[in-house]
Amino acid sequence: MYCCVSSVQRPKSNDDIEKCVKCAVNDLYTVISGEVAHVSYEQMYRNQYNAVVNGNGQRIYDAIVDILRKMSLFTLPRLFNKTLRLICQVSVFLCRNWVTVNNQIDLDTYGKWVYMRPVARRWRRAVAMVRWKLRIMAWRCTFNELAFRPEGVSALRVGAHFYERVCTEC
């Protein structure tokens, strides 16, 4: 695979350009997956730098915007800000040169805006509800076991309710 690791590489063909862009985008997905320990910062920076220098700044920018938009729907604020900061650090050349020349929104500003959208807030709330529903389902068995043990609070309340109903029907 042609990964642009040295300072500036001029690719020999369009296939090399495609591989360079794919390598830079894969680095971004590595950042959001949290497996940053396996890839060096220098390698990620150079891959992106070479992709932008070879005329693929728009594709890299679109990939970052797409990643930030998707992340804003389910990521907690602290993790989102940490990932956004790392993406902005890796994308320094893109932000300082390509974004300013092409009059695009700065990645840091865009990331903060996309996270605060009402749609993203609603999706994060829905994801949190699903997470809590799964937790409650997992905890319910333990709760029922503790609550309905003999002489437990719930067992006494159910027993009292049962006796009350039996007495009203008699």
C-alpha atoms as a PDB file:
ATOM      1  CA  MET A   1       0.000   0.000   0.000  1.00  0.00           C
ATOM      2  CA  TYR A   2       1.259   3.454  -0.877  1.00  0.00           C
ATOM      3  CA  CYS A   3       1.208   5.403   2.364  1.00  0.00           C
ATOM      4  CA  CYS A   4       2.729   8.820   2.118  1.00  0.00           C
ATOM      5  CA  VAL A   5       5.204   8.752   4.976  1.00  0.00           C
ATOM      6  CA  SER A   6       8.160  10.802   3.777  1.00  0.00           C
ATOM      7  CA  SER A   7       7.993  14.587   3.709  1.00  0.00           C
ATOM      8  CA  VAL A   8       6.511  15.354   0.272  1.00  0.00           C
ATOM      9  CA  GLN A   9       5.909  12.628  -2.237  1.00  0.00           C
ATOM     10  CA  ARG A  10       4.662  13.193  -5.721  1.00  0.00           C
ATOM     11  CA  PRO A  11       2.659  10.096  -6.616  1.00  0.00           C
ATOM     12  CA  LYS A  12       3.376   8.362  -9.883  1.00  0.00           C
ATOM     13  CA  SER A  13      -0.213   7.605 -10.867  1.00  0.00           C
ATOM     14  CA  ASN A  14      -3.844   8.173  -9.954  1.00  0.00           C
ATOM     15  CA  ASP A  15      -3.843   4.849  -8.097  1.00  0.00           C
ATOM     16  CA  ASP A  16      -1.098   6.171  -5.834  1.00  0.00           C
ATOM     17  CA  ILE A  17      -3.165   9.307  -5.156  1.00  0.00           C
ATOM     18  CA  GLU A  18      -6.197   7.164  -4.283  1.00  0.00           C
ATOM     19  CA  LYS A  19      -4.122   5.026  -1.929  1.00  0.00           C
ATOM     20  CA  CYS A  20      -2.693   8.143  -0.271  1.00  0.00           C
ATOM     21  CA  VAL A  21      -6.167   9.591   0.314  1.00  0.00           C
ATOM     22  CA  LYS A  22      -7.463   6.241   1.618  1.00  0.00           C
ATOM     23  CA  CYS A  23      -4.516   6.033   3.986  1.00  0.00           C
ATOM     24  CA  ALA A  24      -5.231   9.549   5.329  1.00  0.00           C
ATOM     25  CA  VAL A  25      -8.942   8.763   5.769  1.00  0.00           C
ATOM     26  CA  ASN A  26      -8.112   5.458   7.493  1.00  0.00           C
ATOM     27  CA  ASP A  27      -5.914   7.418   9.895  1.00  0.00           C
ATOM     28  CA  LEU A  28      -8.916   9.578  10.756  1.00  0.00           C
ATOM     29  CA  TYR A  29     -11.024   6.501  11.450  1.00  0.00           C
ATOM     30  CA  THR A  30      -8.189   5.187  13.617  1.00  0.00           C
ATOM     31  CA  VAL A  31      -8.375   8.395  15.657  1.00  0.00           C
ATOM     32  CA  ILE A  32     -12.118   8.123  16.262  1.00  0.00           C
ATOM     33  CA  SER A  33     -11.919   4.420  17.090  1.00  0.00           C
ATOM     34  CA  GLY A  34      -9.484   5.225  19.892  1.00  0.00           C
ATOM     35  CA  GLU A  35      -6.638   3.057  18.567  1.00  0.00           C
ATOM     36  CA  VAL A  36      -4.222   5.967  18.307  1.00  0.00           C
ATOM     37  CA  ALA A  37      -1.457   4.087  20.105  1.00  0.00           C
ATOM     38  CA  HIS A  38      -0.860   1.966  16.979  1.00  0.00           C
ATOM     39  CA  VAL A  39      -0.262   4.926  14.624  1.00  0.00           C
ATOM     40  CA  SER A  40       2.255   7.710  15.068  1.00  0.00           C
ATOM     41  CA  TYR A  41       1.202  11.336  14.981  1.00  0.00           C
ATOM     42  CA  GLU A  42       3.927  12.067  12.438  1.00  0.00           C
ATOM     43  CA  GLN A  43       2.660   9.381  10.074  1.00  0.00           C
ATOM     44  CA  MET A  44      -0.931  10.647  10.296  1.00  0.00           C
ATOM     45  CA  TYR A  45       0.194  14.240   9.722  1.00  0.00           C
ATOM     46  CA  ARG A  46       2.369  13.362   6.725  1.00  0.00           C
ATOM     47  CA  ASN A  47      -0.311  11.203   5.132  1.00  0.00           C
ATOM     48  CA  GLN A  48      -2.785  14.046   5.347  1.00  0.00           C
ATOM     49  CA  TYR A  49      -0.211  16.639   4.317  1.00  0.00           C
ATOM     50  CA  ASN A  50       0.714  14.705   1.187  1.00  0.00           C
ATOM     51  CA  ALA A  51      -2.935  14.113   0.296  1.00  0.00           C
ATOM     52  CA  VAL A  52      -3.636  17.864   0.561  1.00  0.00           C
ATOM     53  CA  VAL A  53      -0.479  18.866  -1.315  1.00  0.00           C
ATOM     54  CA  ASN A  54      -1.379  16.491  -4.140  1.00  0.00           C
ATOM     55  CA  GLY A  55      -4.733  18.222  -4.639  1.00  0.00           C
ATOM     56  CA  ASN A  56      -7.076  16.178  -2.469  1.00  0.00           C
ATOM     57  CA  GLY A  57      -7.814  18.720   0.228  1.00  0.00           C
ATOM     58  CA  GLN A  58     -11.536  18.744  -0.536  1.00  0.00           C
ATOM     59  CA  ARG A  59     -11.788  14.972  -0.143  1.00  0.00           C
ATOM     60  CA  ILE A  60      -9.934  15.036   3.174  1.00  0.00           C
ATOM     61  CA  TYR A  61     -12.032  17.972   4.400  1.00  0.00           C
ATOM     62  CA  ASP A  62     -15.265  16.204   3.374  1.00  0.00           C
ATOM     63  CA  ALA A  63     -14.146  13.034   5.159  1.00  0.00           C
ATOM     64  CA  ILE A  64     -13.398  14.967   8.360  1.00  0.00           C
ATOM     65  CA  VAL A  65     -16.730  16.814   8.175  1.00  0.00           C
ATOM     66  CA  ASP A  66     -18.557  13.513   7.653  1.00  0.00           C
ATOM     67  CA  ILE A  67     -16.741  11.926  10.601  1.00  0.00           C
ATOM     68  CA  LEU A  68     -17.524  14.876  12.884  1.00  0.00           C
ATOM     69  CA  ARG A  69     -21.174  14.859  11.827  1.00  0.00           C
ATOM     70  CA  LYS A  70     -21.517  11.146  12.616  1.00  0.00           C
ATOM     71  CA  MET A  71     -19.599  11.404  15.884  1.00  0.00           C
ATOM     72  CA  SER A  72     -21.781  14.249  17.121  1.00  0.00           C
ATOM     73  CA  LEU A  73     -24.809  11.953  17.138  1.00  0.00           C
ATOM     74  CA  PHE A  74     -23.600   9.490  19.762  1.00  0.00           C
ATOM     75  CA  THR A  75     -20.392  10.648  21.434  1.00  0.00           C
ATOM     76  CA  LEU A  76     -20.235  12.142  24.914  1.00  0.00           C
ATOM     77  CA  PRO A  77     -18.928  15.731  25.148  1.00  0.00           C
ATOM     78  CA  ARG A  78     -15.555  15.002  26.739  1.00  0.00           C
ATOM     79  CA  LEU A  79     -14.686  12.261  24.250  1.00  0.00           C
ATOM     80  CA  PHE A  80     -15.935  14.351  21.316  1.00  0.00           C
ATOM     81  CA  ASN A  81     -13.809  17.345  22.348  1.00  0.00           C
ATOM     82  CA  LYS A  82     -10.758  15.140  22.866  1.00  0.00           C
ATOM     83  CA  THR A  83     -11.176  13.530  19.443  1.00  0.00           C
ATOM     84  CA  LEU A  84     -11.886  16.889  17.786  1.00  0.00           C
ATOM     85  CA  ARG A  85      -8.721  18.326  19.320  1.00  0.00           C
ATOM     86  CA  LEU A  86      -6.656  15.395  18.022  1.00  0.00           C
ATOM     87  CA  ILE A  87      -8.177  15.642  14.534  1.00  0.00           C
ATOM     88  CA  CYS A  88      -7.438  19.383  14.481  1.00  0.00           C
ATOM     89  CA  GLN A  89      -3.840  18.743  15.572  1.00  0.00           C
ATOM     90  CA  VAL A  90      -3.336  16.183  12.817  1.00  0.00           C
ATOM     91  CA  SER A  91      -5.037  18.482  10.295  1.00  0.00           C
ATOM     92  CA  VAL A  92      -2.970  21.595  11.005  1.00  0.00           C
ATOM     93  CA  PHE A  93      -1.779  21.937   7.399  1.00  0.00           C
ATOM     94  CA  LEU A  94      -5.316  21.455   6.092  1.00  0.00           C
ATOM     95  CA  CYS A  95      -6.718  24.043   8.541  1.00  0.00           C
ATOM     96  CA  ARG A  96      -4.039  26.686   8.125  1.00  0.00           C
ATOM     97  CA  ASN A  97      -3.584  26.514   4.377  1.00  0.00           C
ATOM     98  CA  TRP A  98      -6.307  24.722   2.456  1.00  0.00           C
ATOM     99  CA  VAL A  99      -9.288  25.862   4.561  1.00  0.00           C
ATOM    100  CA  THR A 100      -8.275  29.530   4.467  1.00  0.00           C
ATOM    101  CA  VAL A 101      -7.528  29.512   0.727  1.00  0.00           C
ATOM    102  CA  ASN A 102     -10.834  27.803  -0.129  1.00  0.00           C
ATOM    103  CA  ASN A 103     -12.971  29.823   2.338  1.00  0.00           C
ATOM    104  CA  GLN A 104     -14.210  26.787   4.259  1.00  0.00           C
ATOM    105  CA  ILE A 105     -15.272  26.670   7.908  1.00  0.00           C
ATOM    106  CA  ASP A 106     -12.440  25.927  10.325  1.00  0.00           C
ATOM    107  CA  LEU A 107     -12.624  22.339  11.641  1.00  0.00           C
ATOM    108  CA  ASP A 108     -12.641  23.384  15.292  1.00  0.00           C
ATOM    109  CA  THR A 109     -15.523  25.810  14.715  1.00  0.00           C
ATOM    110  CA  TYR A 110     -17.398  23.294  12.603  1.00  0.00           C
ATOM    111  CA  GLY A 111     -16.931  20.569  15.219  1.00  0.00           C
ATOM    112  CA  LYS A 112     -18.341  22.760  17.985  1.00  0.00           C
ATOM    113  CA  TRP A 113     -21.264  23.821  15.804  1.00  0.00           C
ATOM    114  CA  VAL A 114     -22.131  20.309  14.649  1.00  0.00           C
ATOM    115  CA  TYR A 115     -22.079  19.018  18.220  1.00  0.00           C
ATOM    116  CA  MET A 116     -24.542  21.673  19.401  1.00  0.00           C
ATOM    117  CA  ARG A 117     -27.133  21.030  16.652  1.00  0.00           C
ATOM    118  CA  PRO A 118     -30.604  20.124  17.972  1.00  0.00           C
ATOM    119  CA  VAL A 119     -30.600  16.941  15.886  1.00  0.00           C
ATOM    120  CA  ALA A 120     -27.357  15.795  17.482  1.00  0.00           C
ATOM    121  CA  ARG A 121     -28.691  16.548  20.973  1.00  0.00           C
ATOM    122  CA  ARG A 122     -31.837  14.506  20.308  1.00  0.00           C
ATOM    123  CA  TRP A 123     -29.825  11.573  18.926  1.00  0.00           C
ATOM    124  CA  ARG A 124     -27.475  11.624  21.918  1.00  0.00           C
ATOM    125  CA  ARG A 125     -30.492  11.621  24.231  1.00  0.00           C
ATOM    126  CA  ALA A 126     -32.001   8.652  22.350  1.00  0.00           C
ATOM    127  CA  VAL A 127     -28.715   6.752  22.494  1.00  0.00           C
ATOM    128  CA  ALA A 128     -28.472   7.448  26.226  1.00  0.00           C
ATOM    129  CA  MET A 129     -31.992   6.094  26.708  1.00  0.00           C
ATOM    130  CA  VAL A 130     -31.084   2.908  24.850  1.00  0.00           C
ATOM    131  CA  ARG A 131     -27.966   2.513  26.969  1.00  0.00           C
ATOM    132  CA  TRP A 132     -30.009   2.960  30.153  1.00  0.00           C
ATOM    133  CA  LYS A 133     -32.651   0.526  28.943  1.00  0.00           C
ATOM    134  CA  LEU A 134     -29.962  -2.109  28.426  1.00  0.00           C
ATOM    135  CA  ARG A 135     -28.509  -1.389  31.871  1.00  0.00           C
ATOM    136  CA  ILE A 136     -31.909  -1.625  33.525  1.00  0.00           C
ATOM    137  CA  MET A 137     -32.606  -4.933  31.812  1.00  0.00           C
ATOM    138  CA  ALA A 138     -29.271  -6.243  33.069  1.00  0.00           C
ATOM    139  CA  TRP A 139     -29.852  -4.957  36.607  1.00  0.00           C
ATOM    140  CA  ARG A 140     -33.482  -6.047  36.856  1.00  0.00           C
ATOM    141  CA  CYS A 141     -32.707  -9.672  37.632  1.00  0.00           C
ATOM    142  CA  THR A 142     -30.381  -8.689  40.466  1.00  0.00           C
ATOM    143  CA  PHE A 143     -32.860  -6.130  41.768  1.00  0.00           C
ATOM    144  CA  ASN A 144     -35.738  -8.614  41.731  1.00  0.00           C
ATOM    145  CA  GLU A 145     -33.630 -11.207  43.489  1.00  0.00           C
ATOM    146  CA  LEU A 146     -32.812  -8.768  46.277  1.00  0.00           C
ATOM    147  CA  ALA A 147     -36.207  -7.110  46.470  1.00  0.00           C
ATOM    148  CA  PHE A 148     -38.324 -10.269  46.534  1.00  0.00           C
ATOM    149  CA  ARG A 149     -36.233 -12.332  48.924  1.00  0.00           C
ATOM    150  CA  PRO A 150     -38.160 -13.523  51.991  1.00  0.00           C
ATOM    151  CA  GLU A 151     -38.777 -10.647  54.375  1.00  0.00           C
ATOM    152  CA  GLY A 152     -37.678  -8.185  51.681  1.00  0.00           C
ATOM    153  CA  VAL A 153     -39.467  -4.845  51.216  1.00  0.00           C
ATOM    154  CA  SER A 154     -41.050  -5.784  47.902  1.00  0.00           C
ATOM    155  CA  ALA A 155     -42.112  -9.217  49.126  1.00  0.00           C
ATOM    156  CA  LEU A 156     -43.826  -7.633  52.138  1.00  0.00           C
ATOM    157  CA  ARG A 157     -45.591  -5.041  49.956  1.00  0.00           C
ATOM    158  CA  VAL A 158     -46.774  -7.682  47.465  1.00  0.00           C
ATOM    159  CA  GLY A 159     -47.976  -9.848  50.361  1.00  0.00           C
ATOM    160  CA  ALA A 160     -49.848  -6.949  51.948  1.00  0.00           C
ATOM    161  CA  HIS A 161     -51.441  -6.078  48.590  1.00  0.00           C
ATOM    162  CA  PHE A 162     -52.456  -9.717  48.076  1.00  0.00           C
ATOM    163  CA  TYR A 163     -54.074  -9.965  51.514  1.00  0.00           C
ATOM    164  CA  GLU A 164     -55.856  -6.639  50.953  1.00  0.00           C
ATOM    165  CA  ARG A 165     -57.327  -7.893  47.659  1.00  0.00           C
ATOM    166  CA  VAL A 166     -58.337 -11.217  49.185  1.00  0.00           C
ATOM    167  CA  CYS A 167     -60.095  -9.429  52.040  1.00  0.00           C
ATOM    168  CA  THR A 168     -62.003  -7.086  49.686  1.00  0.00           C
ATOM    169  CA  GLU A 169     -63.244 -10.003  47.546  1.00  0.00           C
ATOM    170  CA  CYS A 170     -64.452 -12.053  50.535  1.00  0.00           C
END
